[in-house]
Amino acid sequence: MRRVAFVLKVKADKVEEYKVHHQAVWPAMLDALRRTGWHNYSLFLREDGLLFGYFETPESFQAALAGMAAEDINARWQEFMAPYFEGIGGAHADERMLELEEVFHLD
Protein backbone atom coordinates (compact mmCIF):
# COMPACT_ATOMS: atom_id res chain seq x y z
CA MET A 1 0.00 0.00 0.00
CA ARG A 2 1.15 3.49 -0.78
CA ARG A 3 0.71 6.10 1.97
CA VAL A 4 -0.57 9.46 0.75
CA ALA A 5 -0.79 12.75 2.64
CA PHE A 6 -2.17 16.04 1.41
CA VAL A 7 -3.15 19.49 2.62
CA LEU A 8 -5.96 21.91 1.82
CA LYS A 9 -7.29 25.02 3.52
CA VAL A 10 -10.83 25.28 4.92
CA LYS A 11 -12.14 28.81 5.37
CA ALA A 12 -11.69 29.73 9.04
CA ASP A 13 -15.33 30.82 9.38
CA LYS A 14 -16.50 27.45 7.94
CA VAL A 15 -14.46 25.10 10.13
CA GLU A 16 -17.27 24.07 12.49
CA GLU A 17 -19.75 23.55 9.67
CA TYR A 18 -17.16 21.53 7.72
CA LYS A 19 -16.71 19.24 10.73
CA VAL A 20 -20.47 18.71 11.01
CA HIS A 21 -20.69 17.57 7.39
CA HIS A 22 -17.92 15.07 7.99
CA GLN A 23 -19.78 13.49 10.89
CA ALA A 24 -22.29 12.22 8.32
CA VAL A 25 -20.54 11.78 4.96
CA TRP A 26 -23.00 10.53 2.38
CA PRO A 27 -23.02 6.70 2.31
CA ALA A 28 -22.65 6.66 -1.49
CA MET A 29 -19.52 8.81 -1.15
CA LEU A 30 -18.06 6.43 1.44
CA ASP A 31 -18.80 3.49 -0.87
CA ALA A 32 -17.10 5.24 -3.80
CA LEU A 33 -13.99 5.97 -1.72
CA ARG A 34 -13.72 2.33 -0.69
CA ARG A 35 -14.40 1.09 -4.22
CA THR A 36 -11.65 3.29 -5.69
CA GLY A 37 -8.97 2.20 -3.23
CA TRP A 38 -9.01 4.83 -0.47
CA HIS A 39 -8.16 2.91 2.73
CA ASN A 40 -7.49 4.20 6.26
CA TYR A 41 -8.64 7.62 5.08
CA SER A 42 -8.46 10.29 7.77
CA LEU A 43 -8.82 14.06 7.85
CA PHE A 44 -7.25 16.26 10.53
CA LEU A 45 -8.28 19.88 10.90
CA ARG A 46 -6.53 22.68 12.72
CA GLU A 47 -8.79 25.42 14.15
CA ASP A 48 -7.44 27.94 11.62
CA GLY A 49 -8.63 25.69 8.78
CA LEU A 50 -5.45 23.86 7.80
CA LEU A 51 -6.65 20.45 6.67
CA PHE A 52 -4.31 17.46 6.60
CA GLY A 53 -5.53 14.30 4.88
CA TYR A 54 -4.05 10.82 4.93
CA PHE A 55 -5.00 7.59 3.19
CA GLU A 56 -3.48 4.40 1.88
CA THR A 57 -4.03 3.14 -1.64
CA PRO A 58 -2.80 0.19 -3.69
CA GLU A 59 -2.00 2.57 -6.55
CA SER A 60 -0.70 6.13 -6.87
CA PHE A 61 -2.30 9.31 -5.55
CA GLN A 62 -3.15 10.26 -9.13
CA ALA A 63 -4.81 6.88 -9.76
CA ALA A 64 -6.87 7.24 -6.57
CA LEU A 65 -7.96 10.73 -7.65
CA ALA A 66 -8.80 9.51 -11.15
CA GLY A 67 -10.89 6.69 -9.72
CA MET A 68 -12.92 9.16 -7.69
CA ALA A 69 -13.20 11.58 -10.63
CA ALA A 70 -15.06 8.84 -12.51
CA GLU A 71 -17.67 8.55 -9.74
CA ASP A 72 -20.83 10.66 -10.18
CA ILE A 73 -21.25 10.99 -6.42
CA ASN A 74 -17.81 12.58 -6.16
CA ALA A 75 -18.79 15.44 -8.47
CA ARG A 76 -21.87 16.11 -6.32
CA TRP A 77 -19.87 15.97 -3.06
CA GLN A 78 -17.13 18.21 -4.44
CA GLU A 79 -19.69 20.75 -5.62
CA PHE A 80 -21.40 20.68 -2.22
CA MET A 81 -18.11 21.13 -0.33
CA ALA A 82 -16.46 23.72 -2.65
CA PRO A 83 -17.72 26.76 -0.69
CA TYR A 84 -15.82 25.55 2.40
CA PHE A 85 -12.35 25.82 0.87
CA GLU A 86 -10.09 28.76 0.23
CA GLY A 87 -7.45 28.96 -2.46
CA ILE A 88 -9.03 26.52 -4.89
CA GLY A 89 -9.86 29.15 -7.50
CA GLY A 90 -13.28 27.84 -8.49
CA ALA A 91 -12.03 24.25 -8.87
CA HIS A 92 -13.09 21.31 -6.78
CA ALA A 93 -10.99 20.66 -3.68
CA ASP A 94 -9.89 17.24 -4.95
CA GLU A 95 -8.30 19.02 -7.92
CA ARG A 96 -6.23 21.22 -5.58
CA MET A 97 -5.01 18.72 -3.01
CA LEU A 98 -1.32 19.38 -2.44
CA GLU A 99 0.42 16.04 -1.98
CA LEU A 100 3.10 15.96 0.68
CA GLU A 101 6.34 14.06 0.26
CA GLU A 102 6.88 11.28 2.78
CA VAL A 103 10.29 11.79 4.38
CA PHE A 104 10.12 9.27 7.23
CA HIS A 105 8.09 6.21 8.17
CA LEU A 106 8.56 4.05 11.25
CA ASP A 107 7.70 0.44 10.44
PDB file of N, CA and C in Angstrom:
ATOM      1  N   MET A   1       0.841  -1.185   0.000  1.00  0.00           N
ATOM      2  CA  MET A   1       0.000   0.000   0.000  1.00  0.00           C
ATOM      3  C   MET A   1       0.882   1.243   0.000  1.00  0.00           C
ATOM      4  N   ARG A   2       0.467   2.199  -0.739  1.00  0.00           N
ATOM      5  CA  ARG A   2       1.154   3.493  -0.775  1.00  0.00           C
ATOM      6  C   ARG A   2       0.460   4.430   0.209  1.00  0.00           C
ATOM      7  N   ARG A   3       1.246   5.113   1.031  1.00  0.00           N
ATOM      8  CA  ARG A   3       0.710   6.097   1.972  1.00  0.00           C
ATOM      9  C   ARG A   3       0.698   7.453   1.277  1.00  0.00           C
ATOM     10  N   VAL A   4      -0.416   8.166   1.387  1.00  0.00           N
ATOM     11  CA  VAL A   4      -0.573   9.463   0.747  1.00  0.00           C
ATOM     12  C   VAL A   4      -1.009  10.481   1.798  1.00  0.00           C
ATOM     13  N   ALA A   5      -0.388  11.647   1.767  1.00  0.00           N
ATOM     14  CA  ALA A   5      -0.787  12.750   2.638  1.00  0.00           C
ATOM     15  C   ALA A   5      -0.963  13.993   1.778  1.00  0.00           C
ATOM     16  N   PHE A   6      -1.922  14.823   2.172  1.00  0.00           N
ATOM     17  CA  PHE A   6      -2.172  16.043   1.407  1.00  0.00           C
ATOM     18  C   PHE A   6      -2.680  17.128   2.340  1.00  0.00           C
ATOM     19  N   VAL A   7      -2.614  18.363   1.863  1.00  0.00           N
ATOM     20  CA  VAL A   7      -3.152  19.492   2.618  1.00  0.00           C
ATOM     21  C   VAL A   7      -4.088  20.302   1.734  1.00  0.00           C
ATOM     22  N   LEU A   8      -5.033  20.940   2.394  1.00  0.00           N
ATOM     23  CA  LEU A   8      -5.964  21.905   1.815  1.00  0.00           C
ATOM     24  C   LEU A   8      -6.229  22.950   2.888  1.00  0.00           C
ATOM     25  N   LYS A   9      -6.971  23.971   2.550  1.00  0.00           N
ATOM     26  CA  LYS A   9      -7.295  25.020   3.523  1.00  0.00           C
ATOM     27  C   LYS A   9      -8.796  25.250   3.546  1.00  0.00           C
ATOM     28  N   VAL A  10      -9.412  25.000   4.688  1.00  0.00           N
ATOM     29  CA  VAL A  10     -10.825  25.276   4.916  1.00  0.00           C
ATOM     30  C   VAL A  10     -10.925  26.721   5.396  1.00  0.00           C
ATOM     31  N   LYS A  11     -11.925  27.428   4.922  1.00  0.00           N
ATOM     32  CA  LYS A  11     -12.135  28.810   5.373  1.00  0.00           C
ATOM     33  C   LYS A  11     -12.346  28.801   6.887  1.00  0.00           C
ATOM     34  N   ALA A  12     -11.651  29.698   7.580  1.00  0.00           N
ATOM     35  CA  ALA A  12     -11.695  29.728   9.043  1.00  0.00           C
ATOM     36  C   ALA A  12     -13.118  29.866   9.583  1.00  0.00           C
ATOM     37  N   ASP A  13     -13.955  30.631   8.894  1.00  0.00           N
ATOM     38  CA  ASP A  13     -15.327  30.820   9.378  1.00  0.00           C
ATOM     39  C   ASP A  13     -16.241  29.640   9.029  1.00  0.00           C
ATOM     40  N   LYS A  14     -15.705  28.633   8.335  1.00  0.00           N
ATOM     41  CA  LYS A  14     -16.501  27.454   7.945  1.00  0.00           C
ATOM     42  C   LYS A  14     -16.034  26.175   8.637  1.00  0.00           C
ATOM     43  N   VAL A  15     -15.044  26.274   9.513  1.00  0.00           N
ATOM     44  CA  VAL A  15     -14.458  25.096  10.134  1.00  0.00           C
ATOM     45  C   VAL A  15     -15.501  24.245  10.862  1.00  0.00           C
ATOM     46  N   GLU A  16     -16.299  24.846  11.709  1.00  0.00           N
ATOM     47  CA  GLU A  16     -17.270  24.068  12.487  1.00  0.00           C
ATOM     48  C   GLU A  16     -18.302  23.398  11.584  1.00  0.00           C
ATOM     49  N   GLU A  17     -18.778  24.117  10.608  1.00  0.00           N
ATOM     50  CA  GLU A  17     -19.752  23.554   9.669  1.00  0.00           C
ATOM     51  C   GLU A  17     -19.129  22.411   8.856  1.00  0.00           C
ATOM     52  N   TYR A  18     -17.883  22.576   8.457  1.00  0.00           N
ATOM     53  CA  TYR A  18     -17.158  21.531   7.723  1.00  0.00           C
ATOM     54  C   TYR A  18     -17.089  20.256   8.564  1.00  0.00           C
ATOM     55  N   LYS A  19     -16.785  20.398   9.841  1.00  0.00           N
ATOM     56  CA  LYS A  19     -16.709  19.236  10.729  1.00  0.00           C
ATOM     57  C   LYS A  19     -18.062  18.535  10.841  1.00  0.00           C
ATOM     58  N   VAL A  20     -19.135  19.302  10.928  1.00  0.00           N
ATOM     59  CA  VAL A  20     -20.474  18.714  11.015  1.00  0.00           C
ATOM     60  C   VAL A  20     -20.764  17.846   9.787  1.00  0.00           C
ATOM     61  N   HIS A  21     -20.433  18.341   8.611  1.00  0.00           N
ATOM     62  CA  HIS A  21     -20.688  17.572   7.389  1.00  0.00           C
ATOM     63  C   HIS A  21     -19.875  16.279   7.352  1.00  0.00           C
ATOM     64  N   HIS A  22     -18.734  16.269   7.992  1.00  0.00           N
ATOM     65  CA  HIS A  22     -17.916  15.067   7.986  1.00  0.00           C
ATOM     66  C   HIS A  22     -18.283  14.089   9.094  1.00  0.00           C
ATOM     67  N   GLN A  23     -19.237  14.449   9.928  1.00  0.00           N
ATOM     68  CA  GLN A  23     -19.778  13.491  10.888  1.00  0.00           C
ATOM     69  C   GLN A  23     -20.809  12.587  10.212  1.00  0.00           C
ATOM     70  N   ALA A  24     -21.275  12.998   9.034  1.00  0.00           N
ATOM     71  CA  ALA A  24     -22.288  12.224   8.317  1.00  0.00           C
ATOM     72  C   ALA A  24     -22.032  12.302   6.813  1.00  0.00           C
ATOM     73  N   VAL A  25     -20.860  11.814   6.398  1.00  0.00           N
ATOM     74  CA  VAL A  25     -20.542  11.779   4.962  1.00  0.00           C
ATOM     75  C   VAL A  25     -21.556  10.867   4.284  1.00  0.00           C
ATOM     76  N   TRP A  26     -21.990  11.294   3.109  1.00  0.00           N
ATOM     77  CA  TRP A  26     -22.997  10.528   2.376  1.00  0.00           C
ATOM     78  C   TRP A  26     -22.536   9.084   2.182  1.00  0.00           C
ATOM     79  N   PRO A  27     -23.395   8.108   2.468  1.00  0.00           N
ATOM     80  CA  PRO A  27     -23.018   6.696   2.309  1.00  0.00           C
ATOM     81  C   PRO A  27     -22.513   6.362   0.904  1.00  0.00           C
ATOM     82  N   ALA A  28     -23.114   6.942  -0.121  1.00  0.00           N
ATOM     83  CA  ALA A  28     -22.654   6.663  -1.488  1.00  0.00           C
ATOM     84  C   ALA A  28     -21.234   7.178  -1.713  1.00  0.00           C
ATOM     85  N   MET A  29     -20.879   8.279  -1.047  1.00  0.00           N
ATOM     86  CA  MET A  29     -19.521   8.810  -1.153  1.00  0.00           C
ATOM     87  C   MET A  29     -18.541   7.873  -0.448  1.00  0.00           C
ATOM     88  N   LEU A  30     -18.912   7.382   0.719  1.00  0.00           N
ATOM     89  CA  LEU A  30     -18.061   6.427   1.435  1.00  0.00           C
ATOM     90  C   LEU A  30     -17.848   5.164   0.604  1.00  0.00           C
ATOM     91  N   ASP A  31     -18.911   4.674  -0.019  1.00  0.00           N
ATOM     92  CA  ASP A  31     -18.799   3.488  -0.875  1.00  0.00           C
ATOM     93  C   ASP A  31     -17.852   3.739  -2.047  1.00  0.00           C
ATOM     94  N   ALA A  32     -17.958   4.906  -2.666  1.00  0.00           N
ATOM     95  CA  ALA A  32     -17.098   5.243  -3.802  1.00  0.00           C
ATOM     96  C   ALA A  32     -15.630   5.312  -3.367  1.00  0.00           C
ATOM     97  N   LEU A  33     -15.369   5.906  -2.217  1.00  0.00           N
ATOM     98  CA  LEU A  33     -13.989   5.969  -1.723  1.00  0.00           C
ATOM     99  C   LEU A  33     -13.417   4.566  -1.524  1.00  0.00           C
ATOM    100  N   ARG A  34     -14.189   3.709  -0.901  1.00  0.00           N
ATOM    101  CA  ARG A  34     -13.720   2.333  -0.687  1.00  0.00           C
ATOM    102  C   ARG A  34     -13.509   1.612  -2.008  1.00  0.00           C
ATOM    103  N   ARG A  35     -14.451   1.769  -2.920  1.00  0.00           N
ATOM    104  CA  ARG A  35     -14.402   1.093  -4.216  1.00  0.00           C
ATOM    105  C   ARG A  35     -13.192   1.523  -5.046  1.00  0.00           C
ATOM    106  N   THR A  36     -12.756   2.770  -4.877  1.00  0.00           N
ATOM    107  CA  THR A  36     -11.654   3.291  -5.688  1.00  0.00           C
ATOM    108  C   THR A  36     -10.304   3.238  -4.964  1.00  0.00           C
ATOM    109  N   GLY A  37     -10.245   2.486  -3.866  1.00  0.00           N
ATOM    110  CA  GLY A  37      -8.970   2.197  -3.232  1.00  0.00           C
ATOM    111  C   GLY A  37      -8.487   3.157  -2.171  1.00  0.00           C
ATOM    112  N   TRP A  38      -9.394   3.926  -1.564  1.00  0.00           N
ATOM    113  CA  TRP A  38      -9.007   4.833  -0.471  1.00  0.00           C
ATOM    114  C   TRP A  38      -9.205   4.066   0.842  1.00  0.00           C
ATOM    115  N   HIS A  39      -8.115   3.683   1.483  1.00  0.00           N
ATOM    116  CA  HIS A  39      -8.164   2.913   2.732  1.00  0.00           C
ATOM    117  C   HIS A  39      -7.535   3.725   3.861  1.00  0.00           C
ATOM    118  N   ASN A  40      -8.010   3.486   5.085  1.00  0.00           N
ATOM    119  CA  ASN A  40      -7.495   4.196   6.262  1.00  0.00           C
ATOM    120  C   ASN A  40      -7.499   5.711   6.045  1.00  0.00           C
ATOM    121  N   TYR A  41      -8.538   6.195   5.424  1.00  0.00           N
ATOM    122  CA  TYR A  41      -8.636   7.618   5.081  1.00  0.00           C
ATOM    123  C   TYR A  41      -9.013   8.413   6.322  1.00  0.00           C
ATOM    124  N   SER A  42      -8.219   9.424   6.617  1.00  0.00           N
ATOM    125  CA  SER A  42      -8.461  10.293   7.771  1.00  0.00           C
ATOM    126  C   SER A  42      -8.245  11.741   7.377  1.00  0.00           C
ATOM    127  N   LEU A  43      -9.009  12.625   8.000  1.00  0.00           N
ATOM    128  CA  LEU A  43      -8.816  14.064   7.853  1.00  0.00           C
ATOM    129  C   LEU A  43      -8.545  14.647   9.234  1.00  0.00           C
ATOM    130  N   PHE A  44      -7.588  15.565   9.303  1.00  0.00           N
ATOM    131  CA  PHE A  44      -7.253  16.257  10.533  1.00  0.00           C
ATOM    132  C   PHE A  44      -7.359  17.744  10.248  1.00  0.00           C
ATOM    133  N   LEU A  45      -7.993  18.477  11.145  1.00  0.00           N
ATOM    134  CA  LEU A  45      -8.278  19.879  10.897  1.00  0.00           C
ATOM    135  C   LEU A  45      -7.799  20.745  12.052  1.00  0.00           C
ATOM    136  N   ARG A  46      -6.969  21.710  11.730  1.00  0.00           N
ATOM    137  CA  ARG A  46      -6.531  22.683  12.718  1.00  0.00           C
ATOM    138  C   ARG A  46      -7.604  23.764  12.821  1.00  0.00           C
ATOM    139  N   GLU A  47      -7.713  24.445  13.959  1.00  0.00           N
ATOM    140  CA  GLU A  47      -8.790  25.415  14.152  1.00  0.00           C
ATOM    141  C   GLU A  47      -8.718  26.601  13.191  1.00  0.00           C
ATOM    142  N   ASP A  48      -7.544  26.862  12.606  1.00  0.00           N
ATOM    143  CA  ASP A  48      -7.436  27.944  11.617  1.00  0.00           C
ATOM    144  C   ASP A  48      -7.812  27.481  10.210  1.00  0.00           C
ATOM    145  N   GLY A  49      -8.177  26.209  10.059  1.00  0.00           N
ATOM    146  CA  GLY A  49      -8.635  25.689   8.778  1.00  0.00           C
ATOM    147  C   GLY A  49      -7.631  24.857   8.015  1.00  0.00           C
ATOM    148  N   LEU A  50      -6.407  24.721   8.493  1.00  0.00           N
ATOM    149  CA  LEU A  50      -5.453  23.865   7.802  1.00  0.00           C
ATOM    150  C   LEU A  50      -5.942  22.430   7.887  1.00  0.00           C
ATOM    151  N   LEU A  51      -6.126  21.807   6.750  1.00  0.00           N
ATOM    152  CA  LEU A  51      -6.650  20.448   6.670  1.00  0.00           C
ATOM    153  C   LEU A  51      -5.543  19.521   6.188  1.00  0.00           C
ATOM    154  N   PHE A  52      -5.284  18.482   6.957  1.00  0.00           N
ATOM    155  CA  PHE A  52      -4.312  17.455   6.598  1.00  0.00           C
ATOM    156  C   PHE A  52      -5.073  16.166   6.356  1.00  0.00           C
ATOM    157  N   GLY A  53      -4.881  15.564   5.202  1.00  0.00           N
ATOM    158  CA  GLY A  53      -5.529  14.305   4.878  1.00  0.00           C
ATOM    159  C   GLY A  53      -4.511  13.198   4.701  1.00  0.00           C
ATOM    160  N   TYR A  54      -4.914  11.988   5.049  1.00  0.00           N
ATOM    161  CA  TYR A  54      -4.048  10.822   4.929  1.00  0.00           C
ATOM    162  C   TYR A  54      -4.899   9.648   4.478  1.00  0.00           C
ATOM    163  N   PHE A  55      -4.362   8.861   3.539  1.00  0.00           N
ATOM    164  CA  PHE A  55      -4.995   7.593   3.191  1.00  0.00           C
ATOM    165  C   PHE A  55      -3.955   6.657   2.611  1.00  0.00           C
ATOM    166  N   GLU A  56      -4.336   5.412   2.499  1.00  0.00           N
ATOM    167  CA  GLU A  56      -3.485   4.403   1.881  1.00  0.00           C
ATOM    168  C   GLU A  56      -4.206   3.876   0.662  1.00  0.00           C
ATOM    169  N   THR A  57      -3.446   3.589  -0.387  1.00  0.00           N
ATOM    170  CA  THR A  57      -4.033   3.137  -1.637  1.00  0.00           C
ATOM    171  C   THR A  57      -3.100   2.123  -2.304  1.00  0.00           C
ATOM    172  N   PRO A  58      -3.663   1.150  -3.010  1.00  0.00           N
ATOM    173  CA  PRO A  58      -2.799   0.187  -3.689  1.00  0.00           C
ATOM    174  C   PRO A  58      -2.102   0.792  -4.918  1.00  0.00           C
ATOM    175  N   GLU A  59      -2.576   1.931  -5.359  1.00  0.00           N
ATOM    176  CA  GLU A  59      -1.996   2.573  -6.545  1.00  0.00           C
ATOM    177  C   GLU A  59      -1.409   3.927  -6.154  1.00  0.00           C
ATOM    178  N   SER A  60      -1.250   4.802  -7.116  1.00  0.00           N
ATOM    179  CA  SER A  60      -0.703   6.132  -6.866  1.00  0.00           C
ATOM    180  C   SER A  60      -1.800   7.094  -6.417  1.00  0.00           C
ATOM    181  N   PHE A  61      -1.370   8.244  -5.909  1.00  0.00           N
ATOM    182  CA  PHE A  61      -2.299   9.315  -5.553  1.00  0.00           C
ATOM    183  C   PHE A  61      -3.117   9.709  -6.778  1.00  0.00           C
ATOM    184  N   GLN A  62      -2.453   9.856  -7.910  1.00  0.00           N
ATOM    185  CA  GLN A  62      -3.148  10.261  -9.134  1.00  0.00           C
ATOM    186  C   GLN A  62      -4.172   9.215  -9.570  1.00  0.00           C
ATOM    187  N   ALA A  63      -3.851   7.945  -9.415  1.00  0.00           N
ATOM    188  CA  ALA A  63      -4.806   6.883  -9.763  1.00  0.00           C
ATOM    189  C   ALA A  63      -6.010   6.906  -8.827  1.00  0.00           C
ATOM    190  N   ALA A  64      -5.770   7.151  -7.541  1.00  0.00           N
ATOM    191  CA  ALA A  64      -6.870   7.236  -6.571  1.00  0.00           C
ATOM    192  C   ALA A  64      -7.774   8.418  -6.900  1.00  0.00           C
ATOM    193  N   LEU A  65      -7.170   9.554  -7.248  1.00  0.00           N
ATOM    194  CA  LEU A  65      -7.963  10.727  -7.645  1.00  0.00           C
ATOM    195  C   LEU A  65      -8.750  10.459  -8.916  1.00  0.00           C
ATOM    196  N   ALA A  66      -8.119   9.815  -9.885  1.00  0.00           N
ATOM    197  CA  ALA A  66      -8.797   9.509 -11.152  1.00  0.00           C
ATOM    198  C   ALA A  66      -9.971   8.569 -10.929  1.00  0.00           C
ATOM    199  N   GLY A  67      -9.788   7.599 -10.035  1.00  0.00           N
ATOM    200  CA  GLY A  67     -10.894   6.694  -9.721  1.00  0.00           C
ATOM    201  C   GLY A  67     -12.086   7.446  -9.164  1.00  0.00           C
ATOM    202  N   MET A  68     -11.830   8.372  -8.260  1.00  0.00           N
ATOM    203  CA  MET A  68     -12.925   9.157  -7.692  1.00  0.00           C
ATOM    204  C   MET A  68     -13.520  10.118  -8.723  1.00  0.00           C
ATOM    205  N   ALA A  69     -12.703  10.655  -9.606  1.00  0.00           N
ATOM    206  CA  ALA A  69     -13.203  11.582 -10.629  1.00  0.00           C
ATOM    207  C   ALA A  69     -14.221  10.902 -11.541  1.00  0.00           C
ATOM    208  N   ALA A  70     -14.123   9.591 -11.667  1.00  0.00           N
ATOM    209  CA  ALA A  70     -15.058   8.840 -12.514  1.00  0.00           C
ATOM    210  C   ALA A  70     -16.375   8.520 -11.802  1.00  0.00           C
ATOM    211  N   GLU A  71     -16.468   8.838 -10.527  1.00  0.00           N
ATOM    212  CA  GLU A  71     -17.669   8.550  -9.737  1.00  0.00           C
ATOM    213  C   GLU A  71     -18.608   9.760  -9.741  1.00  0.00           C
ATOM    214  N   ASP A  72     -19.849   9.563 -10.156  1.00  0.00           N
ATOM    215  CA  ASP A  72     -20.828  10.657 -10.182  1.00  0.00           C
ATOM    216  C   ASP A  72     -21.026  11.290  -8.805  1.00  0.00           C
ATOM    217  N   ILE A  73     -21.027  10.463  -7.770  1.00  0.00           N
ATOM    218  CA  ILE A  73     -21.251  10.988  -6.416  1.00  0.00           C
ATOM    219  C   ILE A  73     -20.130  11.941  -6.020  1.00  0.00           C
ATOM    220  N   ASN A  74     -18.923  11.709  -6.501  1.00  0.00           N
ATOM    221  CA  ASN A  74     -17.807  12.580  -6.163  1.00  0.00           C
ATOM    222  C   ASN A  74     -18.033  13.991  -6.690  1.00  0.00           C
ATOM    223  N   ALA A  75     -18.519  14.103  -7.908  1.00  0.00           N
ATOM    224  CA  ALA A  75     -18.790  15.435  -8.473  1.00  0.00           C
ATOM    225  C   ALA A  75     -19.816  16.180  -7.618  1.00  0.00           C
ATOM    226  N   ARG A  76     -20.846  15.474  -7.165  1.00  0.00           N
ATOM    227  CA  ARG A  76     -21.872  16.112  -6.323  1.00  0.00           C
ATOM    228  C   ARG A  76     -21.292  16.523  -4.959  1.00  0.00           C
ATOM    229  N   TRP A  77     -20.487  15.649  -4.354  1.00  0.00           N
ATOM    230  CA  TRP A  77     -19.874  15.967  -3.061  1.00  0.00           C
ATOM    231  C   TRP A  77     -18.915  17.147  -3.200  1.00  0.00           C
ATOM    232  N   GLN A  78     -18.093  17.132  -4.239  1.00  0.00           N
ATOM    233  CA  GLN A  78     -17.127  18.214  -4.437  1.00  0.00           C
ATOM    234  C   GLN A  78     -17.837  19.550  -4.659  1.00  0.00           C
ATOM    235  N   GLU A  79     -18.917  19.532  -5.386  1.00  0.00           N
ATOM    236  CA  GLU A  79     -19.690  20.752  -5.623  1.00  0.00           C
ATOM    237  C   GLU A  79     -20.296  21.264  -4.308  1.00  0.00           C
ATOM    238  N   PHE A  80     -20.809  20.340  -3.512  1.00  0.00           N
ATOM    239  CA  PHE A  80     -21.400  20.678  -2.220  1.00  0.00           C
ATOM    240  C   PHE A  80     -20.359  21.271  -1.265  1.00  0.00           C
ATOM    241  N   MET A  81     -19.141  20.722  -1.275  1.00  0.00           N
ATOM    242  CA  MET A  81     -18.106  21.132  -0.333  1.00  0.00           C
ATOM    243  C   MET A  81     -17.264  22.314  -0.823  1.00  0.00           C
ATOM    244  N   ALA A  82     -17.315  22.656  -2.089  1.00  0.00           N
ATOM    245  CA  ALA A  82     -16.458  23.717  -2.647  1.00  0.00           C
ATOM    246  C   ALA A  82     -16.514  25.028  -1.871  1.00  0.00           C
ATOM    247  N   PRO A  83     -17.678  25.481  -1.402  1.00  0.00           N
ATOM    248  CA  PRO A  83     -17.716  26.765  -0.685  1.00  0.00           C
ATOM    249  C   PRO A  83     -16.933  26.775   0.631  1.00  0.00           C
ATOM    250  N   TYR A  84     -16.525  25.629   1.126  1.00  0.00           N
ATOM    251  CA  TYR A  84     -15.817  25.548   2.402  1.00  0.00           C
ATOM    252  C   TYR A  84     -14.312  25.801   2.275  1.00  0.00           C
ATOM    253  N   PHE A  85     -13.789  25.748   1.056  1.00  0.00           N
ATOM    254  CA  PHE A  85     -12.346  25.824   0.868  1.00  0.00           C
ATOM    255  C   PHE A  85     -11.896  27.179   0.356  1.00  0.00           C
ATOM    256  N   GLU A  86     -10.701  27.562   0.777  1.00  0.00           N
ATOM    257  CA  GLU A  86     -10.086  28.763   0.228  1.00  0.00           C
ATOM    258  C   GLU A  86      -8.900  28.342  -0.645  1.00  0.00           C
ATOM    259  N   GLY A  87      -8.607  29.197  -1.614  1.00  0.00           N
ATOM    260  CA  GLY A  87      -7.449  28.965  -2.456  1.00  0.00           C
ATOM    261  C   GLY A  87      -7.612  27.898  -3.514  1.00  0.00           C
ATOM    262  N   ILE A  88      -8.849  27.541  -3.847  1.00  0.00           N
ATOM    263  CA  ILE A  88      -9.027  26.523  -4.885  1.00  0.00           C
ATOM    264  C   ILE A  88      -9.451  27.130  -6.222  1.00  0.00           C
ATOM    265  N   GLY A  89      -9.633  28.438  -6.249  1.00  0.00           N
ATOM    266  CA  GLY A  89      -9.863  29.153  -7.499  1.00  0.00           C
ATOM    267  C   GLY A  89     -11.010  28.651  -8.351  1.00  0.00           C
ATOM    268  N   GLY A  90     -12.118  28.298  -7.735  1.00  0.00           N
ATOM    269  CA  GLY A  90     -13.281  27.839  -8.493  1.00  0.00           C
ATOM    270  C   GLY A  90     -13.231  26.371  -8.879  1.00  0.00           C
ATOM    271  N   ALA A  91     -12.141  25.689  -8.591  1.00  0.00           N
ATOM    272  CA  ALA A  91     -12.029  24.254  -8.875  1.00  0.00           C
ATOM    273  C   ALA A  91     -12.639  23.462  -7.721  1.00  0.00           C
ATOM    274  N   HIS A  92     -12.692  22.176  -7.879  1.00  0.00           N
ATOM    275  CA  HIS A  92     -13.085  21.311  -6.775  1.00  0.00           C
ATOM    276  C   HIS A  92     -11.858  21.060  -5.902  1.00  0.00           C
ATOM    277  N   ALA A  93     -12.091  20.852  -4.623  1.00  0.00           N
ATOM    278  CA  ALA A  93     -10.990  20.658  -3.681  1.00  0.00           C
ATOM    279  C   ALA A  93     -10.111  19.478  -4.078  1.00  0.00           C
ATOM    280  N   ASP A  94     -10.703  18.406  -4.589  1.00  0.00           N
ATOM    281  CA  ASP A  94      -9.886  17.243  -4.947  1.00  0.00           C
ATOM    282  C   ASP A  94      -8.969  17.515  -6.134  1.00  0.00           C
ATOM    283  N   GLU A  95      -9.190  18.611  -6.829  1.00  0.00           N
ATOM    284  CA  GLU A  95      -8.296  19.017  -7.918  1.00  0.00           C
ATOM    285  C   GLU A  95      -7.158  19.899  -7.410  1.00  0.00           C
ATOM    286  N   ARG A  96      -7.231  20.311  -6.156  1.00  0.00           N
ATOM    287  CA  ARG A  96      -6.233  21.221  -5.582  1.00  0.00           C
ATOM    288  C   ARG A  96      -5.506  20.636  -4.371  1.00  0.00           C
ATOM    289  N   MET A  97      -5.710  19.355  -4.116  1.00  0.00           N
ATOM    290  CA  MET A  97      -5.011  18.715  -3.010  1.00  0.00           C
ATOM    291  C   MET A  97      -3.511  18.780  -3.268  1.00  0.00           C
ATOM    292  N   LEU A  98      -2.772  19.288  -2.318  1.00  0.00           N
ATOM    293  CA  LEU A  98      -1.319  19.383  -2.438  1.00  0.00           C
ATOM    294  C   LEU A  98      -0.709  18.175  -1.741  1.00  0.00           C
ATOM    295  N   GLU A  99      -0.178  17.255  -2.543  1.00  0.00           N
ATOM    296  CA  GLU A  99       0.422  16.042  -1.982  1.00  0.00           C
ATOM    297  C   GLU A  99       1.718  16.392  -1.260  1.00  0.00           C
ATOM    298  N   LEU A 100       1.891  15.771  -0.099  1.00  0.00           N
ATOM    299  CA  LEU A 100       3.104  15.963   0.684  1.00  0.00           C
ATOM    300  C   LEU A 100       4.060  14.792   0.443  1.00  0.00           C
ATOM    301  N   GLU A 101       5.333  15.085   0.431  1.00  0.00           N
ATOM    302  CA  GLU A 101       6.345  14.057   0.263  1.00  0.00           C
ATOM    303  C   GLU A 101       6.586  13.348   1.590  1.00  0.00           C
ATOM    304  N   GLU A 102       6.561  12.037   1.583  1.00  0.00           N
ATOM    305  CA  GLU A 102       6.879  11.283   2.783  1.00  0.00           C
ATOM    306  C   GLU A 102       8.390  11.289   2.969  1.00  0.00           C
ATOM    307  N   VAL A 103       8.848  11.727   4.125  1.00  0.00           N
ATOM    308  CA  VAL A 103      10.287  11.786   4.381  1.00  0.00           C
ATOM    309  C   VAL A 103      10.730  10.821   5.474  1.00  0.00           C
ATOM    310  N   PHE A 104       9.783  10.240   6.186  1.00  0.00           N
ATOM    311  CA  PHE A 104      10.117   9.268   7.227  1.00  0.00           C
ATOM    312  C   PHE A 104       8.899   8.412   7.508  1.00  0.00           C
ATOM    313  N   HIS A 105       9.141   7.138   7.757  1.00  0.00           N
ATOM    314  CA  HIS A 105       8.087   6.209   8.172  1.00  0.00           C
ATOM    315  C   HIS A 105       8.698   5.192   9.119  1.00  0.00           C
ATOM    316  N   LEU A 106       8.118   5.048  10.289  1.00  0.00           N
ATOM    317  CA  LEU A 106       8.559   4.049  11.254  1.00  0.00           C
ATOM    318  C   LEU A 106       7.746   2.787  11.035  1.00  0.00           C
ATOM    319  N   ASP A 107       8.405   1.709  10.663  1.00  0.00           N
ATOM    320  CA  ASP A 107       7.698   0.443  10.439  1.00  0.00           C
ATOM    321  C   ASP A 107       7.208  -0.139  11.731  1.00  0.00           C
TER     322      ASP A 107
END
